[in-house]
Amino acid sequence: MNELLTYIIQNLVDEPDKVSVTERKAEGETVFEVRVAAGDMGKVIGRQGRIVKEIRVLMKAVAQRHGKRVSVEILD
C-alpha cells in the first residue's frame, strides 16, 4: 500500500523526488505520513481538501480488501 500511495502522490506534484511516505503502526491501524515540497502542498490537499479526501477514501478501500485499517496524514 505504501507503493500505491507514493505513486499517487508523485504523480500529483511538480517535485516527485521530494515525496516521502513513512508508515507507522498506531492503535491497531497503519498511519501513512506524507511529506512533500512546500510548493506542492496545495496540489496534494486540493481545493477544500477534496484531493486528500479522495486519496484517503481510496487507501481505506484498498486496506479494507486486505482486512486492515489505515489513515493518511499530510505533514508540513
N, C-alpha and C. Protein backbone atom coordinates (compact mmCIF):
# COMPACT_ATOMS: atom_id res chain seq x y z
N MET A 1 0.82 -1.20 0.00
CA MET A 1 0.00 0.00 0.00
C MET A 1 0.85 1.25 0.00
N ASN A 2 2.03 1.15 0.62
CA ASN A 2 2.95 2.28 0.64
C ASN A 2 3.33 2.68 -0.78
N GLU A 3 3.59 1.68 -1.64
CA GLU A 3 3.97 1.96 -3.01
C GLU A 3 2.83 2.64 -3.78
N LEU A 4 1.60 2.22 -3.54
CA LEU A 4 0.45 2.81 -4.20
C LEU A 4 0.30 4.27 -3.81
N LEU A 5 0.39 4.56 -2.53
CA LEU A 5 0.26 5.94 -2.06
C LEU A 5 1.39 6.81 -2.61
N THR A 6 2.60 6.29 -2.61
CA THR A 6 3.74 7.03 -3.15
C THR A 6 3.52 7.33 -4.62
N TYR A 7 3.06 6.36 -5.37
CA TYR A 7 2.80 6.53 -6.81
C TYR A 7 1.76 7.62 -7.04
N ILE A 8 0.68 7.59 -6.29
CA ILE A 8 -0.39 8.58 -6.45
C ILE A 8 0.14 9.98 -6.17
N ILE A 9 0.82 10.14 -5.04
CA ILE A 9 1.32 11.47 -4.65
C ILE A 9 2.36 11.97 -5.64
N GLN A 10 3.27 11.12 -6.07
CA GLN A 10 4.32 11.55 -7.01
C GLN A 10 3.74 12.03 -8.33
N ASN A 11 2.62 11.47 -8.75
CA ASN A 11 2.01 11.90 -10.00
C ASN A 11 1.18 13.17 -9.86
N LEU A 12 0.96 13.63 -8.65
CA LEU A 12 0.22 14.87 -8.44
C LEU A 12 1.12 16.10 -8.35
N VAL A 13 2.37 15.92 -7.93
CA VAL A 13 3.23 17.04 -7.58
C VAL A 13 4.22 17.39 -8.69
N ASP A 14 4.83 18.59 -8.57
CA ASP A 14 5.84 19.04 -9.52
C ASP A 14 7.22 18.48 -9.18
N GLU A 15 7.47 18.21 -7.90
CA GLU A 15 8.77 17.70 -7.46
C GLU A 15 8.60 16.30 -6.85
N PRO A 16 8.46 15.27 -7.69
CA PRO A 16 8.21 13.92 -7.16
C PRO A 16 9.37 13.34 -6.36
N ASP A 17 10.58 13.83 -6.58
CA ASP A 17 11.73 13.31 -5.83
C ASP A 17 11.72 13.76 -4.37
N LYS A 18 10.90 14.74 -4.03
CA LYS A 18 10.83 15.22 -2.64
C LYS A 18 9.66 14.61 -1.87
N VAL A 19 8.98 13.66 -2.47
CA VAL A 19 7.86 12.98 -1.81
C VAL A 19 8.42 11.93 -0.86
N SER A 20 7.93 11.96 0.37
CA SER A 20 8.35 10.98 1.37
C SER A 20 7.11 10.42 2.05
N VAL A 21 6.98 9.09 2.02
CA VAL A 21 5.85 8.42 2.67
C VAL A 21 6.42 7.46 3.70
N THR A 22 6.10 7.71 4.97
CA THR A 22 6.54 6.81 6.03
C THR A 22 5.31 6.11 6.61
N GLU A 23 5.55 4.94 7.12
CA GLU A 23 4.47 4.09 7.64
C GLU A 23 4.74 3.79 9.10
N ARG A 24 3.71 3.97 9.94
CA ARG A 24 3.87 3.61 11.35
C ARG A 24 2.58 2.97 11.84
N LYS A 25 2.71 2.15 12.86
CA LYS A 25 1.55 1.48 13.45
C LYS A 25 1.08 2.29 14.66
N ALA A 26 -0.22 2.46 14.77
CA ALA A 26 -0.79 3.19 15.90
C ALA A 26 -2.18 2.66 16.20
N GLU A 27 -2.36 2.14 17.38
CA GLU A 27 -3.67 1.70 17.87
C GLU A 27 -4.41 0.80 16.88
N GLY A 28 -3.77 -0.23 16.39
CA GLY A 28 -4.42 -1.19 15.53
C GLY A 28 -4.60 -0.77 14.09
N GLU A 29 -4.02 0.35 13.70
CA GLU A 29 -4.11 0.77 12.32
C GLU A 29 -2.75 1.24 11.82
N THR A 30 -2.61 1.31 10.52
CA THR A 30 -1.39 1.81 9.90
C THR A 30 -1.61 3.26 9.52
N VAL A 31 -0.66 4.11 9.92
CA VAL A 31 -0.74 5.53 9.60
C VAL A 31 0.35 5.84 8.58
N PHE A 32 -0.06 6.39 7.44
CA PHE A 32 0.89 6.82 6.42
C PHE A 32 1.09 8.31 6.56
N GLU A 33 2.33 8.72 6.78
CA GLU A 33 2.67 10.14 6.91
C GLU A 33 3.32 10.59 5.60
N VAL A 34 2.71 11.56 4.95
CA VAL A 34 3.17 12.04 3.65
C VAL A 34 3.80 13.41 3.81
N ARG A 35 5.00 13.55 3.25
CA ARG A 35 5.68 14.85 3.22
C ARG A 35 6.00 15.18 1.77
N VAL A 36 5.72 16.42 1.38
CA VAL A 36 6.01 16.90 0.02
C VAL A 36 6.69 18.25 0.12
N ALA A 37 7.21 18.74 -1.00
CA ALA A 37 7.81 20.07 -1.04
C ALA A 37 6.75 21.11 -0.70
N ALA A 38 7.18 22.21 -0.13
CA ALA A 38 6.24 23.25 0.32
C ALA A 38 5.35 23.75 -0.82
N GLY A 39 5.89 23.89 -2.00
CA GLY A 39 5.12 24.37 -3.14
C GLY A 39 4.09 23.38 -3.66
N ASP A 40 4.24 22.12 -3.29
CA ASP A 40 3.32 21.08 -3.76
C ASP A 40 2.22 20.75 -2.77
N MET A 41 2.25 21.36 -1.61
CA MET A 41 1.27 21.05 -0.57
C MET A 41 -0.17 21.27 -1.06
N GLY A 42 -0.40 22.37 -1.76
CA GLY A 42 -1.75 22.67 -2.26
C GLY A 42 -2.24 21.68 -3.28
N LYS A 43 -1.33 21.13 -4.06
CA LYS A 43 -1.72 20.16 -5.08
C LYS A 43 -2.15 18.84 -4.46
N VAL A 44 -1.56 18.49 -3.33
CA VAL A 44 -1.93 17.25 -2.65
C VAL A 44 -3.22 17.43 -1.87
N ILE A 45 -3.40 18.58 -1.27
CA ILE A 45 -4.61 18.83 -0.47
C ILE A 45 -5.81 19.12 -1.38
N GLY A 46 -5.62 19.96 -2.38
CA GLY A 46 -6.69 20.29 -3.30
C GLY A 46 -7.62 21.35 -2.75
N ARG A 47 -8.51 21.80 -3.61
CA ARG A 47 -9.47 22.82 -3.21
C ARG A 47 -10.42 22.24 -2.17
N GLN A 48 -10.52 22.91 -1.04
CA GLN A 48 -11.36 22.49 0.08
C GLN A 48 -11.05 21.07 0.53
N GLY A 49 -9.82 20.62 0.30
CA GLY A 49 -9.38 19.31 0.77
C GLY A 49 -9.92 18.13 -0.03
N ARG A 50 -10.42 18.38 -1.21
CA ARG A 50 -11.07 17.31 -1.99
C ARG A 50 -10.10 16.22 -2.41
N ILE A 51 -8.91 16.59 -2.86
CA ILE A 51 -7.96 15.58 -3.34
C ILE A 51 -7.51 14.68 -2.21
N VAL A 52 -7.13 15.26 -1.08
CA VAL A 52 -6.68 14.44 0.04
C VAL A 52 -7.81 13.55 0.57
N LYS A 53 -9.04 14.04 0.52
CA LYS A 53 -10.18 13.21 0.94
C LYS A 53 -10.31 11.99 0.04
N GLU A 54 -10.17 12.19 -1.26
CA GLU A 54 -10.29 11.07 -2.20
C GLU A 54 -9.13 10.09 -2.06
N ILE A 55 -7.95 10.61 -1.77
CA ILE A 55 -6.80 9.73 -1.53
C ILE A 55 -7.08 8.87 -0.30
N ARG A 56 -7.62 9.47 0.74
CA ARG A 56 -7.95 8.72 1.97
C ARG A 56 -9.01 7.66 1.70
N VAL A 57 -10.03 8.00 0.92
CA VAL A 57 -11.09 7.05 0.59
C VAL A 57 -10.49 5.87 -0.19
N LEU A 58 -9.64 6.16 -1.16
CA LEU A 58 -9.02 5.10 -1.96
C LEU A 58 -8.16 4.19 -1.10
N MET A 59 -7.34 4.77 -0.23
CA MET A 59 -6.46 3.97 0.62
C MET A 59 -7.27 3.12 1.61
N LYS A 60 -8.35 3.67 2.14
CA LYS A 60 -9.19 2.89 3.06
C LYS A 60 -9.87 1.74 2.34
N ALA A 61 -10.26 1.95 1.09
CA ALA A 61 -10.90 0.88 0.32
C ALA A 61 -9.91 -0.25 0.05
N VAL A 62 -8.68 0.10 -0.31
CA VAL A 62 -7.66 -0.91 -0.55
C VAL A 62 -7.35 -1.67 0.74
N ALA A 63 -7.23 -0.95 1.83
CA ALA A 63 -6.92 -1.58 3.12
C ALA A 63 -8.04 -2.51 3.56
N GLN A 64 -9.26 -2.11 3.34
CA GLN A 64 -10.41 -2.92 3.74
C GLN A 64 -10.42 -4.25 3.00
N ARG A 65 -9.99 -4.25 1.75
CA ARG A 65 -9.93 -5.50 0.99
C ARG A 65 -8.91 -6.47 1.58
N HIS A 66 -7.92 -5.92 2.30
CA HIS A 66 -6.88 -6.74 2.94
C HIS A 66 -7.16 -6.96 4.43
N GLY A 67 -8.29 -6.46 4.90
CA GLY A 67 -8.66 -6.64 6.29
C GLY A 67 -7.85 -5.77 7.24
N LYS A 68 -7.43 -4.60 6.79
CA LYS A 68 -6.62 -3.70 7.61
C LYS A 68 -7.30 -2.35 7.73
N ARG A 69 -6.77 -1.53 8.64
CA ARG A 69 -7.25 -0.16 8.80
C ARG A 69 -6.09 0.78 8.56
N VAL A 70 -6.32 1.84 7.80
CA VAL A 70 -5.26 2.81 7.53
C VAL A 70 -5.80 4.23 7.63
N SER A 71 -4.88 5.16 7.81
CA SER A 71 -5.19 6.58 7.71
C SER A 71 -4.02 7.26 7.03
N VAL A 72 -4.28 8.41 6.42
CA VAL A 72 -3.26 9.16 5.70
C VAL A 72 -3.18 10.55 6.30
N GLU A 73 -1.97 10.96 6.68
CA GLU A 73 -1.75 12.30 7.23
C GLU A 73 -0.78 13.05 6.32
N ILE A 74 -1.10 14.29 6.03
CA ILE A 74 -0.20 15.14 5.25
C ILE A 74 0.52 16.04 6.24
N LEU A 75 1.85 15.95 6.27
CA LEU A 75 2.65 16.71 7.23
C LEU A 75 3.40 17.84 6.55
N ASP A 76 3.69 18.88 7.33
CA ASP A 76 4.46 20.02 6.81
C ASP A 76 5.91 19.65 6.64
